[in-house]
Amino acid sequence: MNFSSYGGTIYSTDDWYQLSNGLVVTQTSMEILNPEIYRNIKAADKSLPNFIRIFAANLLAESP
């Protein structure tokens, strides 16, 4: 996996990176400016953090 980041981090804080299989992953970061919206978020009881699920999916990906 290629990405520009900072030493010691386990995931990219950029909005794109390239996997060793040639796939390029992109994202769009969206900032929530109204903190009241966070009250409506219900966290799943048995869910992994996004960066872990994304990392696993990237390791298993063979095509888009």
N, C-alpha and C. Protein backbone atom coordinates (compact mmCIF):
# COMPACT_ATOMS: atom_id res chain seq x y z
N MET A 1 0.85 -1.17 0.00
CA MET A 1 0.00 0.00 0.00
C MET A 1 0.90 1.23 0.00
N ASN A 2 0.64 2.16 -0.89
CA ASN A 2 1.37 3.42 -0.94
C ASN A 2 0.46 4.56 -0.50
N PHE A 3 0.91 5.36 0.42
CA PHE A 3 0.21 6.58 0.77
C PHE A 3 1.17 7.50 1.50
N SER A 4 0.93 8.79 1.36
CA SER A 4 1.74 9.72 2.14
C SER A 4 1.05 9.88 3.49
N SER A 5 1.81 9.86 4.54
CA SER A 5 1.23 9.94 5.87
C SER A 5 2.32 10.33 6.85
N TYR A 6 2.13 10.01 8.09
CA TYR A 6 3.09 10.33 9.13
C TYR A 6 3.58 9.05 9.77
N GLY A 7 4.82 9.02 10.20
CA GLY A 7 5.39 7.84 10.82
C GLY A 7 4.57 7.36 12.01
N GLY A 8 4.37 6.05 12.09
CA GLY A 8 3.65 5.46 13.21
C GLY A 8 2.15 5.37 13.04
N THR A 9 1.60 5.88 11.93
CA THR A 9 0.16 5.75 11.72
C THR A 9 -0.15 4.43 11.04
N ILE A 10 -1.35 3.91 11.27
CA ILE A 10 -1.72 2.62 10.67
C ILE A 10 -2.69 2.79 9.50
N TYR A 11 -3.07 4.00 9.18
CA TYR A 11 -3.90 4.23 8.00
C TYR A 11 -3.61 5.62 7.46
N SER A 12 -3.99 5.83 6.21
CA SER A 12 -3.73 7.10 5.56
C SER A 12 -4.75 8.15 5.98
N THR A 13 -4.28 9.34 6.23
CA THR A 13 -5.22 10.43 6.50
C THR A 13 -5.48 11.24 5.23
N ASP A 14 -4.92 10.78 4.11
CA ASP A 14 -5.17 11.40 2.81
C ASP A 14 -6.50 10.92 2.26
N ASP A 15 -6.92 11.52 1.15
CA ASP A 15 -8.17 11.10 0.53
C ASP A 15 -7.95 10.12 -0.61
N TRP A 16 -6.76 9.58 -0.75
CA TRP A 16 -6.49 8.54 -1.75
C TRP A 16 -5.26 7.75 -1.36
N TYR A 17 -5.18 6.53 -1.85
CA TYR A 17 -3.97 5.73 -1.74
C TYR A 17 -4.02 4.63 -2.79
N GLN A 18 -2.86 4.02 -3.07
CA GLN A 18 -2.75 2.98 -4.08
C GLN A 18 -2.34 1.67 -3.43
N LEU A 19 -3.05 0.59 -3.79
CA LEU A 19 -2.73 -0.74 -3.26
C LEU A 19 -1.70 -1.42 -4.14
N SER A 20 -1.04 -2.43 -3.62
CA SER A 20 0.00 -3.13 -4.38
C SER A 20 -0.57 -3.88 -5.59
N ASN A 21 -1.89 -4.17 -5.59
CA ASN A 21 -2.50 -4.84 -6.73
C ASN A 21 -2.91 -3.86 -7.83
N GLY A 22 -2.55 -2.57 -7.67
CA GLY A 22 -2.82 -1.57 -8.69
C GLY A 22 -4.10 -0.78 -8.49
N LEU A 23 -4.95 -1.19 -7.56
CA LEU A 23 -6.18 -0.46 -7.32
C LEU A 23 -5.89 0.85 -6.58
N VAL A 24 -6.63 1.89 -6.93
CA VAL A 24 -6.52 3.17 -6.24
C VAL A 24 -7.81 3.38 -5.46
N VAL A 25 -7.69 3.71 -4.20
CA VAL A 25 -8.84 3.92 -3.33
C VAL A 25 -8.96 5.41 -3.05
N THR A 26 -10.16 5.96 -3.23
CA THR A 26 -10.40 7.37 -2.95
C THR A 26 -11.55 7.51 -1.97
N GLN A 27 -11.64 8.67 -1.36
CA GLN A 27 -12.74 8.96 -0.45
C GLN A 27 -13.01 10.45 -0.48
N THR A 28 -14.14 10.81 0.05
CA THR A 28 -14.48 12.22 0.22
C THR A 28 -14.73 12.45 1.70
N SER A 29 -13.95 13.31 2.30
CA SER A 29 -14.15 13.66 3.70
C SER A 29 -15.20 14.75 3.79
N MET A 30 -16.18 14.54 4.64
CA MET A 30 -17.23 15.54 4.81
C MET A 30 -17.27 15.95 6.27
N GLU A 31 -17.11 17.22 6.51
CA GLU A 31 -17.08 17.74 7.86
C GLU A 31 -18.50 18.08 8.32
N ILE A 32 -18.84 17.68 9.53
CA ILE A 32 -20.13 18.03 10.12
C ILE A 32 -19.91 19.25 11.00
N LEU A 33 -20.51 20.35 10.62
CA LEU A 33 -20.29 21.60 11.34
C LEU A 33 -21.27 21.82 12.49
N ASN A 34 -22.38 21.06 12.49
CA ASN A 34 -23.38 21.19 13.53
C ASN A 34 -23.24 20.03 14.51
N PRO A 35 -22.67 20.26 15.71
CA PRO A 35 -22.45 19.17 16.66
C PRO A 35 -23.74 18.52 17.16
N GLU A 36 -24.87 19.16 17.02
CA GLU A 36 -26.15 18.58 17.46
C GLU A 36 -26.50 17.33 16.65
N ILE A 37 -26.00 17.23 15.44
CA ILE A 37 -26.31 16.08 14.58
C ILE A 37 -25.77 14.80 15.20
N TYR A 38 -24.67 14.87 15.92
CA TYR A 38 -24.06 13.68 16.51
C TYR A 38 -24.99 12.99 17.51
N ARG A 39 -25.93 13.68 18.06
CA ARG A 39 -26.89 13.07 19.01
C ARG A 39 -27.76 12.01 18.34
N ASN A 40 -27.92 12.11 17.02
CA ASN A 40 -28.78 11.18 16.29
C ASN A 40 -28.06 9.90 15.87
N ILE A 41 -26.76 9.81 16.09
CA ILE A 41 -25.99 8.65 15.65
C ILE A 41 -26.11 7.54 16.69
N LYS A 42 -26.51 6.37 16.23
CA LYS A 42 -26.61 5.20 17.09
C LYS A 42 -25.50 4.24 16.68
N ALA A 43 -24.53 4.03 17.56
CA ALA A 43 -23.41 3.13 17.26
C ALA A 43 -23.88 1.68 17.30
N ALA A 44 -23.41 0.89 16.36
CA ALA A 44 -23.74 -0.54 16.34
C ALA A 44 -23.00 -1.23 17.48
N ASP A 45 -23.66 -2.18 18.12
CA ASP A 45 -23.06 -2.88 19.25
C ASP A 45 -21.89 -3.76 18.84
N LYS A 46 -22.00 -4.42 17.70
CA LYS A 46 -20.97 -5.38 17.28
C LYS A 46 -20.36 -4.94 15.96
N SER A 47 -19.77 -3.79 15.93
CA SER A 47 -19.19 -3.24 14.72
C SER A 47 -17.73 -2.91 14.94
N LEU A 48 -16.93 -3.15 13.91
CA LEU A 48 -15.52 -2.77 13.95
C LEU A 48 -15.38 -1.34 13.45
N PRO A 49 -14.36 -0.62 13.88
CA PRO A 49 -14.11 0.72 13.34
C PRO A 49 -13.90 0.65 11.82
N ASN A 50 -14.30 1.71 11.14
CA ASN A 50 -14.19 1.76 9.68
C ASN A 50 -12.80 1.42 9.18
N PHE A 51 -11.75 1.98 9.79
CA PHE A 51 -10.42 1.77 9.24
C PHE A 51 -10.01 0.31 9.27
N ILE A 52 -10.52 -0.49 10.21
CA ILE A 52 -10.21 -1.91 10.25
C ILE A 52 -10.94 -2.65 9.13
N ARG A 53 -12.23 -2.34 8.93
CA ARG A 53 -13.00 -2.98 7.86
C ARG A 53 -12.43 -2.62 6.49
N ILE A 54 -12.05 -1.36 6.31
CA ILE A 54 -11.50 -0.91 5.04
C ILE A 54 -10.15 -1.58 4.78
N PHE A 55 -9.31 -1.68 5.80
CA PHE A 55 -8.00 -2.32 5.67
C PHE A 55 -8.16 -3.77 5.23
N ALA A 56 -9.08 -4.50 5.86
CA ALA A 56 -9.32 -5.90 5.51
C ALA A 56 -9.84 -6.03 4.08
N ALA A 57 -10.77 -5.16 3.69
CA ALA A 57 -11.31 -5.19 2.33
C ALA A 57 -10.21 -4.92 1.31
N ASN A 58 -9.32 -3.99 1.61
CA ASN A 58 -8.21 -3.68 0.71
C ASN A 58 -7.28 -4.87 0.54
N LEU A 59 -7.01 -5.59 1.62
CA LEU A 59 -6.13 -6.76 1.54
C LEU A 59 -6.73 -7.86 0.68
N LEU A 60 -8.06 -7.99 0.70
CA LEU A 60 -8.73 -9.06 -0.03
C LEU A 60 -9.10 -8.67 -1.46
N ALA A 61 -9.04 -7.39 -1.80
CA ALA A 61 -9.50 -6.91 -3.11
C ALA A 61 -8.62 -7.42 -4.25
N GLU A 62 -9.26 -7.90 -5.29
CA GLU A 62 -8.58 -8.31 -6.50
C GLU A 62 -9.02 -7.49 -7.71
N SER A 63 -10.17 -6.83 -7.59
CA SER A 63 -10.69 -5.98 -8.65
C SER A 63 -11.61 -4.94 -8.00
N PRO A 64 -11.95 -3.90 -8.76
CA PRO A 64 -12.83 -2.87 -8.18
C PRO A 64 -14.16 -3.43 -7.79
